[in-house]
Amino acid sequence: MYENTIKAYIGDADGVQGGCGSITWKAAKDSKKVDYEGITSLLFKLSGVQEVLQKHELTSSIIVSDYTLIIPGSRRFLTKFFDKLKVGG
């Protein structure tokens, strides 16, 4: 309940900081995922795979690169509170 309210307040920023600590809601690092099904589909469509690859100057690394997808990282909601608070000056 409160978490969603704080997330709405943070919006697109990385987080907020106050007198007693900080709350962050950052995106994790993007990751890559190889679309092996796409690679397999391409290879099955080709007849005489090796000859066709050479004819079109394709290498396995080019094919893998073409079918590698960027998967956006998720945002993590973290709270950090200071260990010792100064109360009353």
PDB file of N, CA and C in Angstrom:
ATOM      1  N   MET A   1       0.821  -1.178   0.000  1.00  0.00           N
ATOM      2  CA  MET A   1       0.000   0.000   0.000  1.00  0.00           C
ATOM      3  C   MET A   1       0.876   1.258   0.000  1.00  0.00           C
ATOM      4  N   TYR A   2       1.709   1.419   1.007  1.00  0.00           N
ATOM      5  CA  TYR A   2       2.589   2.591   1.072  1.00  0.00           C
ATOM      6  C   TYR A   2       3.667   2.514   0.000  1.00  0.00           C
ATOM      7  N   GLU A   3       4.089   1.291  -0.318  1.00  0.00           N
ATOM      8  CA  GLU A   3       5.142   1.115  -1.318  1.00  0.00           C
ATOM      9  C   GLU A   3       4.715   1.721  -2.652  1.00  0.00           C
ATOM     10  N   ASN A   4       3.508   1.472  -3.090  1.00  0.00           N
ATOM     11  CA  ASN A   4       3.032   2.022  -4.363  1.00  0.00           C
ATOM     12  C   ASN A   4       2.938   3.540  -4.319  1.00  0.00           C
ATOM     13  N   THR A   5       2.569   4.100  -3.182  1.00  0.00           N
ATOM     14  CA  THR A   5       2.504   5.554  -3.028  1.00  0.00           C
ATOM     15  C   THR A   5       3.900   6.160  -3.160  1.00  0.00           C
ATOM     16  N   ILE A   6       4.878   5.519  -2.517  1.00  0.00           N
ATOM     17  CA  ILE A   6       6.264   6.005  -2.583  1.00  0.00           C
ATOM     18  C   ILE A   6       6.797   5.861  -4.006  1.00  0.00           C
ATOM     19  N   LYS A   7       6.494   4.738  -4.673  1.00  0.00           N
ATOM     20  CA  LYS A   7       6.931   4.543  -6.052  1.00  0.00           C
ATOM     21  C   LYS A   7       6.354   5.627  -6.961  1.00  0.00           C
ATOM     22  N   ALA A   8       5.090   5.967  -6.753  1.00  0.00           N
ATOM     23  CA  ALA A   8       4.462   7.026  -7.553  1.00  0.00           C
ATOM     24  C   ALA A   8       5.164   8.360  -7.309  1.00  0.00           C
ATOM     25  N   TYR A   9       5.554   8.631  -6.055  1.00  0.00           N
ATOM     26  CA  TYR A   9       6.263   9.873  -5.708  1.00  0.00           C
ATOM     27  C   TYR A   9       7.645   9.902  -6.368  1.00  0.00           C
ATOM     28  N   ILE A  10       8.341   8.760  -6.345  1.00  0.00           N
ATOM     29  CA  ILE A  10       9.682   8.678  -6.942  1.00  0.00           C
ATOM     30  C   ILE A  10       9.599   8.861  -8.455  1.00  0.00           C
ATOM     31  N   GLY A  11       8.575   8.297  -9.086  1.00  0.00           N
ATOM     32  CA  GLY A  11       8.417   8.429 -10.539  1.00  0.00           C
ATOM     33  C   GLY A  11       9.597   7.858 -11.294  1.00  0.00           C
ATOM     34  N   ASP A  12      10.168   8.637 -12.207  1.00  0.00           N
ATOM     35  CA  ASP A  12      11.298   8.185 -13.021  1.00  0.00           C
ATOM     36  C   ASP A  12      12.651   8.423 -12.362  1.00  0.00           C
ATOM     37  N   ALA A  13      12.670   9.068 -11.204  1.00  0.00           N
ATOM     38  CA  ALA A  13      13.933   9.319 -10.496  1.00  0.00           C
ATOM     39  C   ALA A  13      14.466   8.002  -9.923  1.00  0.00           C
ATOM     40  N   ASP A  14      15.720   8.021  -9.462  1.00  0.00           N
ATOM     41  CA  ASP A  14      16.313   6.831  -8.848  1.00  0.00           C
ATOM     42  C   ASP A  14      15.830   6.609  -7.429  1.00  0.00           C
ATOM     43  N   GLY A  15      15.403   7.672  -6.737  1.00  0.00           N
ATOM     44  CA  GLY A  15      14.958   7.505  -5.357  1.00  0.00           C
ATOM     45  C   GLY A  15      14.832   8.837  -4.648  1.00  0.00           C
ATOM     46  N   VAL A  16      14.643   8.748  -3.330  1.00  0.00           N
ATOM     47  CA  VAL A  16      14.536   9.933  -2.476  1.00  0.00           C
ATOM     48  C   VAL A  16      15.413   9.727  -1.252  1.00  0.00           C
ATOM     49  N   GLN A  17      15.861  10.822  -0.678  1.00  0.00           N
ATOM     50  CA  GLN A  17      16.682  10.752   0.529  1.00  0.00           C
ATOM     51  C   GLN A  17      16.155  11.773   1.525  1.00  0.00           C
ATOM     52  N   GLY A  18      16.134  11.371   2.788  1.00  0.00           N
ATOM     53  CA  GLY A  18      15.675  12.262   3.838  1.00  0.00           C
ATOM     54  C   GLY A  18      16.584  12.175   5.044  1.00  0.00           C
ATOM     55  N   GLY A  19      16.132  12.759   6.144  1.00  0.00           N
ATOM     56  CA  GLY A  19      16.938  12.810   7.356  1.00  0.00           C
ATOM     57  C   GLY A  19      17.213  11.458   7.998  1.00  0.00           C
ATOM     58  N   CYS A  20      16.379  10.461   7.727  1.00  0.00           N
ATOM     59  CA  CYS A  20      16.573   9.167   8.389  1.00  0.00           C
ATOM     60  C   CYS A  20      17.055   8.073   7.445  1.00  0.00           C
ATOM     61  N   GLY A  21      17.228   8.378   6.176  1.00  0.00           N
ATOM     62  CA  GLY A  21      17.714   7.355   5.247  1.00  0.00           C
ATOM     63  C   GLY A  21      17.297   7.640   3.825  1.00  0.00           C
ATOM     64  N   SER A  22      17.296   6.591   3.014  1.00  0.00           N
ATOM     65  CA  SER A  22      16.944   6.763   1.610  1.00  0.00           C
ATOM     66  C   SER A  22      16.102   5.593   1.136  1.00  0.00           C
ATOM     67  N   ILE A  23      15.340   5.846   0.102  1.00  0.00           N
ATOM     68  CA  ILE A  23      14.559   4.811  -0.559  1.00  0.00           C
ATOM     69  C   ILE A  23      14.867   4.945  -2.042  1.00  0.00           C
ATOM     70  N   THR A  24      15.300   3.843  -2.651  1.00  0.00           N
ATOM     71  CA  THR A  24      15.607   3.862  -4.076  1.00  0.00           C
ATOM     72  C   THR A  24      14.703   2.894  -4.806  1.00  0.00           C
ATOM     73  N   TRP A  25      14.464   3.210  -6.054  1.00  0.00           N
ATOM     74  CA  TRP A  25      13.684   2.354  -6.939  1.00  0.00           C
ATOM     75  C   TRP A  25      14.334   2.466  -8.305  1.00  0.00           C
ATOM     76  N   LYS A  26      15.420   1.701  -8.462  1.00  0.00           N
ATOM     77  CA  LYS A  26      16.257   1.796  -9.650  1.00  0.00           C
ATOM     78  C   LYS A  26      16.028   0.597 -10.563  1.00  0.00           C
ATOM     79  N   ALA A  27      16.292   0.809 -11.841  1.00  0.00           N
ATOM     80  CA  ALA A  27      16.235  -0.277 -12.811  1.00  0.00           C
ATOM     81  C   ALA A  27      17.518  -1.095 -12.723  1.00  0.00           C
ATOM     82  N   ALA A  28      17.366  -2.406 -12.776  1.00  0.00           N
ATOM     83  CA  ALA A  28      18.528  -3.288 -12.832  1.00  0.00           C
ATOM     84  C   ALA A  28      19.160  -3.158 -14.220  1.00  0.00           C
ATOM     85  N   LYS A  29      20.369  -3.614 -14.341  1.00  0.00           N
ATOM     86  CA  LYS A  29      21.079  -3.555 -15.612  1.00  0.00           C
ATOM     87  C   LYS A  29      20.340  -4.411 -16.646  1.00  0.00           C
ATOM     88  N   ASP A  30      20.265  -3.910 -17.897  1.00  0.00           N
ATOM     89  CA  ASP A  30      19.652  -4.676 -18.969  1.00  0.00           C
ATOM     90  C   ASP A  30      20.430  -5.970 -19.201  1.00  0.00           C
ATOM     91  N   SER A  31      19.736  -6.973 -19.682  1.00  0.00           N
ATOM     92  CA  SER A  31      20.389  -8.235 -19.988  1.00  0.00           C
ATOM     93  C   SER A  31      20.129  -8.586 -21.445  1.00  0.00           C
ATOM     94  N   LYS A  32      20.876  -9.549 -21.949  1.00  0.00           N
ATOM     95  CA  LYS A  32      20.708 -10.010 -23.321  1.00  0.00           C
ATOM     96  C   LYS A  32      20.180 -11.438 -23.306  1.00  0.00           C
ATOM     97  N   LYS A  33      19.369 -11.745 -24.304  1.00  0.00           N
ATOM     98  CA  LYS A  33      18.832 -13.088 -24.446  1.00  0.00           C
ATOM     99  C   LYS A  33      18.966 -13.473 -25.909  1.00  0.00           C
ATOM    100  N   VAL A  34      19.579 -14.615 -26.183  1.00  0.00           N
ATOM    101  CA  VAL A  34      19.727 -15.077 -27.557  1.00  0.00           C
ATOM    102  C   VAL A  34      18.443 -15.779 -27.970  1.00  0.00           C
ATOM    103  N   ASP A  35      17.899 -15.403 -29.109  1.00  0.00           N
ATOM    104  CA  ASP A  35      16.699 -16.026 -29.662  1.00  0.00           C
ATOM    105  C   ASP A  35      17.125 -17.238 -30.491  1.00  0.00           C
ATOM    106  N   TYR A  36      17.389 -18.348 -29.793  1.00  0.00           N
ATOM    107  CA  TYR A  36      17.850 -19.548 -30.468  1.00  0.00           C
ATOM    108  C   TYR A  36      16.802 -20.095 -31.432  1.00  0.00           C
ATOM    109  N   GLU A  37      15.542 -19.910 -31.135  1.00  0.00           N
ATOM    110  CA  GLU A  37      14.487 -20.350 -32.045  1.00  0.00           C
ATOM    111  C   GLU A  37      14.596 -19.614 -33.379  1.00  0.00           C
ATOM    112  N   GLY A  38      14.869 -18.312 -33.332  1.00  0.00           N
ATOM    113  CA  GLY A  38      15.060 -17.546 -34.552  1.00  0.00           C
ATOM    114  C   GLY A  38      16.263 -18.016 -35.347  1.00  0.00           C
ATOM    115  N   ILE A  39      17.356 -18.323 -34.646  1.00  0.00           N
ATOM    116  CA  ILE A  39      18.554 -18.826 -35.317  1.00  0.00           C
ATOM    117  C   ILE A  39      18.261 -20.166 -35.982  1.00  0.00           C
ATOM    118  N   THR A  40      17.618 -21.050 -35.236  1.00  0.00           N
ATOM    119  CA  THR A  40      17.288 -22.369 -35.771  1.00  0.00           C
ATOM    120  C   THR A  40      16.379 -22.242 -36.982  1.00  0.00           C
ATOM    121  N   SER A  41      15.386 -21.378 -36.891  1.00  0.00           N
ATOM    122  CA  SER A  41      14.459 -21.159 -38.002  1.00  0.00           C
ATOM    123  C   SER A  41      15.212 -20.700 -39.246  1.00  0.00           C
ATOM    124  N   LEU A  42      16.129 -19.763 -39.070  1.00  0.00           N
ATOM    125  CA  LEU A  42      16.920 -19.269 -40.194  1.00  0.00           C
ATOM    126  C   LEU A  42      17.723 -20.399 -40.821  1.00  0.00           C
ATOM    127  N   LEU A  43      18.388 -21.194 -40.010  1.00  0.00           N
ATOM    128  CA  LEU A  43      19.231 -22.267 -40.522  1.00  0.00           C
ATOM    129  C   LEU A  43      18.407 -23.338 -41.231  1.00  0.00           C
ATOM    130  N   PHE A  44      17.225 -23.644 -40.724  1.00  0.00           N
ATOM    131  CA  PHE A  44      16.387 -24.644 -41.377  1.00  0.00           C
ATOM    132  C   PHE A  44      15.861 -24.156 -42.721  1.00  0.00           C
ATOM    133  N   LYS A  45      15.658 -22.849 -42.856  1.00  0.00           N
ATOM    134  CA  LYS A  45      15.170 -22.294 -44.122  1.00  0.00           C
ATOM    135  C   LYS A  45      16.236 -22.361 -45.210  1.00  0.00           C
ATOM    136  N   LEU A  46      17.464 -22.405 -44.785  1.00  0.00           N
ATOM    137  CA  LEU A  46      18.567 -22.411 -45.752  1.00  0.00           C
ATOM    138  C   LEU A  46      18.828 -23.834 -46.242  1.00  0.00           C
ATOM    139  N   SER A  47      19.060 -23.974 -47.497  1.00  0.00           N
ATOM    140  CA  SER A  47      19.461 -25.292 -48.018  1.00  0.00           C
ATOM    141  C   SER A  47      20.961 -25.234 -48.278  1.00  0.00           C
ATOM    142  N   GLY A  48      21.651 -26.303 -47.963  1.00  0.00           N
ATOM    143  CA  GLY A  48      23.109 -26.272 -48.084  1.00  0.00           C
ATOM    144  C   GLY A  48      23.675 -25.188 -47.205  1.00  0.00           C
ATOM    145  N   VAL A  49      23.449 -25.304 -45.921  1.00  0.00           N
ATOM    146  CA  VAL A  49      23.713 -24.235 -44.954  1.00  0.00           C
ATOM    147  C   VAL A  49      25.096 -23.609 -45.112  1.00  0.00           C
ATOM    148  N   GLN A  50      26.130 -24.402 -45.157  1.00  0.00           N
ATOM    149  CA  GLN A  50      27.486 -23.856 -45.193  1.00  0.00           C
ATOM    150  C   GLN A  50      27.714 -23.017 -46.455  1.00  0.00           C
ATOM    151  N   GLU A  51      27.270 -23.538 -47.608  1.00  0.00           N
ATOM    152  CA  GLU A  51      27.468 -22.808 -48.871  1.00  0.00           C
ATOM    153  C   GLU A  51      26.682 -21.497 -48.878  1.00  0.00           C
ATOM    154  N   VAL A  52      25.469 -21.548 -48.385  1.00  0.00           N
ATOM    155  CA  VAL A  52      24.639 -20.345 -48.355  1.00  0.00           C
ATOM    156  C   VAL A  52      25.240 -19.310 -47.413  1.00  0.00           C
ATOM    157  N   LEU A  53      25.714 -19.764 -46.257  1.00  0.00           N
ATOM    158  CA  LEU A  53      26.333 -18.834 -45.308  1.00  0.00           C
ATOM    159  C   LEU A  53      27.543 -18.147 -45.934  1.00  0.00           C
ATOM    160  N   GLN A  54      28.376 -18.918 -46.606  1.00  0.00           N
ATOM    161  CA  GLN A  54      29.558 -18.335 -47.241  1.00  0.00           C
ATOM    162  C   GLN A  54      29.158 -17.388 -48.372  1.00  0.00           C
ATOM    163  N   LYS A  55      28.130 -17.764 -49.134  1.00  0.00           N
ATOM    164  CA  LYS A  55      27.673 -16.933 -50.252  1.00  0.00           C
ATOM    165  C   LYS A  55      27.199 -15.568 -49.772  1.00  0.00           C
ATOM    166  N   HIS A  56      26.548 -15.542 -48.647  1.00  0.00           N
ATOM    167  CA  HIS A  56      26.011 -14.290 -48.105  1.00  0.00           C
ATOM    168  C   HIS A  56      26.924 -13.655 -47.065  1.00  0.00           C
ATOM    169  N   GLU A  57      28.142 -14.187 -46.958  1.00  0.00           N
ATOM    170  CA  GLU A  57      29.146 -13.681 -46.020  1.00  0.00           C
ATOM    171  C   GLU A  57      28.606 -13.609 -44.597  1.00  0.00           C
ATOM    172  N   LEU A  58      27.882 -14.657 -44.219  1.00  0.00           N
ATOM    173  CA  LEU A  58      27.353 -14.734 -42.853  1.00  0.00           C
ATOM    174  C   LEU A  58      28.240 -15.649 -42.018  1.00  0.00           C
ATOM    175  N   THR A  59      28.485 -15.234 -40.806  1.00  0.00           N
ATOM    176  CA  THR A  59      29.188 -16.087 -39.849  1.00  0.00           C
ATOM    177  C   THR A  59      28.229 -16.369 -38.694  1.00  0.00           C
ATOM    178  N   SER A  60      28.537 -17.373 -37.918  1.00  0.00           N
ATOM    179  CA  SER A  60      27.663 -17.692 -36.784  1.00  0.00           C
ATOM    180  C   SER A  60      27.585 -16.520 -35.809  1.00  0.00           C
ATOM    181  N   SER A  61      28.672 -15.769 -35.652  1.00  0.00           N
ATOM    182  CA  SER A  61      28.627 -14.635 -34.718  1.00  0.00           C
ATOM    183  C   SER A  61      27.707 -13.525 -35.229  1.00  0.00           C
ATOM    184  N   ILE A  62      27.644 -13.316 -36.548  1.00  0.00           N
ATOM    185  CA  ILE A  62      26.725 -12.324 -37.110  1.00  0.00           C
ATOM    186  C   ILE A  62      25.292 -12.765 -36.897  1.00  0.00           C
ATOM    187  N   ILE A  63      25.025 -14.054 -37.140  1.00  0.00           N
ATOM    188  CA  ILE A  63      23.666 -14.577 -36.962  1.00  0.00           C
ATOM    189  C   ILE A  63      23.247 -14.472 -35.498  1.00  0.00           C
ATOM    190  N   VAL A  64      24.115 -14.874 -34.586  1.00  0.00           N
ATOM    191  CA  VAL A  64      23.795 -14.788 -33.164  1.00  0.00           C
ATOM    192  C   VAL A  64      23.572 -13.333 -32.757  1.00  0.00           C
ATOM    193  N   SER A  65      24.396 -12.426 -33.248  1.00  0.00           N
ATOM    194  CA  SER A  65      24.239 -11.004 -32.937  1.00  0.00           C
ATOM    195  C   SER A  65      22.895 -10.473 -33.428  1.00  0.00           C
ATOM    196  N   ASP A  66      22.491 -10.871 -34.618  1.00  0.00           N
ATOM    197  CA  ASP A  66      21.212 -10.418 -35.175  1.00  0.00           C
ATOM    198  C   ASP A  66      20.022 -10.915 -34.373  1.00  0.00           C
ATOM    199  N   TYR A  67      20.167 -12.047 -33.719  1.00  0.00           N
ATOM    200  CA  TYR A  67      19.057 -12.628 -32.949  1.00  0.00           C
ATOM    201  C   TYR A  67      19.264 -12.510 -31.442  1.00  0.00           C
ATOM    202  N   THR A  68      20.126 -11.606 -31.018  1.00  0.00           N
ATOM    203  CA  THR A  68      20.325 -11.348 -29.600  1.00  0.00           C
ATOM    204  C   THR A  68      19.463 -10.153 -29.209  1.00  0.00           C
ATOM    205  N   LEU A  69      18.618 -10.350 -28.207  1.00  0.00           N
ATOM    206  CA  LEU A  69      17.663  -9.331 -27.784  1.00  0.00           C
ATOM    207  C   LEU A  69      18.123  -8.675 -26.493  1.00  0.00           C
ATOM    208  N   ILE A  70      17.842  -7.397 -26.325  1.00  0.00           N
ATOM    209  CA  ILE A  70      18.109  -6.687 -25.075  1.00  0.00           C
ATOM    210  C   ILE A  70      16.837  -6.787 -24.228  1.00  0.00           C
ATOM    211  N   ILE A  71      16.970  -7.334 -23.031  1.00  0.00           N
ATOM    212  CA  ILE A  71      15.853  -7.461 -22.107  1.00  0.00           C
ATOM    213  C   ILE A  71      16.038  -6.389 -21.027  1.00  0.00           C
ATOM    214  N   PRO A  72      15.125  -5.410 -20.931  1.00  0.00           N
ATOM    215  CA  PRO A  72      15.270  -4.355 -19.926  1.00  0.00           C
ATOM    216  C   PRO A  72      15.289  -4.928 -18.504  1.00  0.00           C
ATOM    217  N   GLY A  73      16.129  -4.362 -17.662  1.00  0.00           N
ATOM    218  CA  GLY A  73      16.190  -4.788 -16.268  1.00  0.00           C
ATOM    219  C   GLY A  73      14.975  -4.289 -15.499  1.00  0.00           C
ATOM    220  N   SER A  74      14.634  -5.012 -14.455  1.00  0.00           N
ATOM    221  CA  SER A  74      13.507  -4.595 -13.621  1.00  0.00           C
ATOM    222  C   SER A  74      13.969  -3.517 -12.645  1.00  0.00           C
ATOM    223  N   ARG A  75      13.022  -2.764 -12.110  1.00  0.00           N
ATOM    224  CA  ARG A  75      13.357  -1.761 -11.098  1.00  0.00           C
ATOM    225  C   ARG A  75      13.232  -2.399  -9.728  1.00  0.00           C
ATOM    226  N   ARG A  76      14.224  -2.161  -8.870  1.00  0.00           N
ATOM    227  CA  ARG A  76      14.211  -2.707  -7.512  1.00  0.00           C
ATOM    228  C   ARG A  76      13.884  -1.599  -6.521  1.00  0.00           C
ATOM    229  N   PHE A  77      13.032  -1.915  -5.584  1.00  0.00           N
ATOM    230  CA  PHE A  77      12.608  -0.967  -4.548  1.00  0.00           C
ATOM    231  C   PHE A  77      13.389  -1.302  -3.283  1.00  0.00           C
ATOM    232  N   LEU A  78      14.298  -0.411  -2.854  1.00  0.00           N
ATOM    233  CA  LEU A  78      15.162  -0.656  -1.697  1.00  0.00           C
ATOM    234  C   LEU A  78      15.029   0.475  -0.688  1.00  0.00           C
ATOM    235  N   THR A  79      15.070   0.113   0.585  1.00  0.00           N
ATOM    236  CA  THR A  79      15.072   1.127   1.640  1.00  0.00           C
ATOM    237  C   THR A  79      16.365   1.001   2.434  1.00  0.00           C
ATOM    238  N   LYS A  80      16.931   2.121   2.839  1.00  0.00           N
ATOM    239  CA  LYS A  80      18.129   2.146   3.685  1.00  0.00           C
ATOM    240  C   LYS A  80      17.901   3.191   4.759  1.00  0.00           C
ATOM    241  N   PHE A  81      17.982   2.763   5.984  1.00  0.00           N
ATOM    242  CA  PHE A  81      17.824   3.683   7.102  1.00  0.00           C
ATOM    243  C   PHE A  81      19.134   3.761   7.858  1.00  0.00           C
ATOM    244  N   PHE A  82      19.445   4.945   8.345  1.00  0.00           N
ATOM    245  CA  PHE A  82      20.680   5.139   9.080  1.00  0.00           C
ATOM    246  C   PHE A  82      20.640   4.336  10.376  1.00  0.00           C
ATOM    247  N   ASP A  83      21.787   3.812  10.772  1.00  0.00           N
ATOM    248  CA  ASP A  83      21.865   3.018  11.998  1.00  0.00           C
ATOM    249  C   ASP A  83      21.610   3.850  13.248  1.00  0.00           C
ATOM    250  N   LYS A  84      22.151   5.048  13.268  1.00  0.00           N
ATOM    251  CA  LYS A  84      22.026   5.878  14.463  1.00  0.00           C
ATOM    252  C   LYS A  84      21.394   7.209  14.093  1.00  0.00           C
ATOM    253  N   LEU A  85      20.308   7.525  14.697  1.00  0.00           N
ATOM    254  CA  LEU A  85      19.634   8.798  14.472  1.00  0.00           C
ATOM    255  C   LEU A  85      19.948   9.752  15.605  1.00  0.00           C
ATOM    256  N   LYS A  86      20.191  10.990  15.300  1.00  0.00           N
ATOM    257  CA  LYS A  86      20.395  11.999  16.330  1.00  0.00           C
ATOM    258  C   LYS A  86      19.040  12.566  16.714  1.00  0.00           C
ATOM    259  N   VAL A  87      18.683  12.378  17.963  1.00  0.00           N
ATOM    260  CA  VAL A  87      17.385  12.874  18.442  1.00  0.00           C
ATOM    261  C   VAL A  87      17.644  13.983  19.460  1.00  0.00           C
ATOM    262  N   GLY A  88      17.025  15.095  19.282  1.00  0.00           N
ATOM    263  CA  GLY A  88      17.124  16.191  20.251  1.00  0.00           C
ATOM    264  C   GLY A  88      18.433  16.943  20.222  1.00  0.00           C
ATOM    265  N   GLY A  89      19.155  16.915  19.107  1.00  0.00           N
ATOM    266  CA  GLY A  89      20.330  17.758  18.959  1.00  0.00           C
ATOM    267  C   GLY A  89      21.534  17.092  19.429  1.00  0.00           C
TER     268      GLY A  89
END
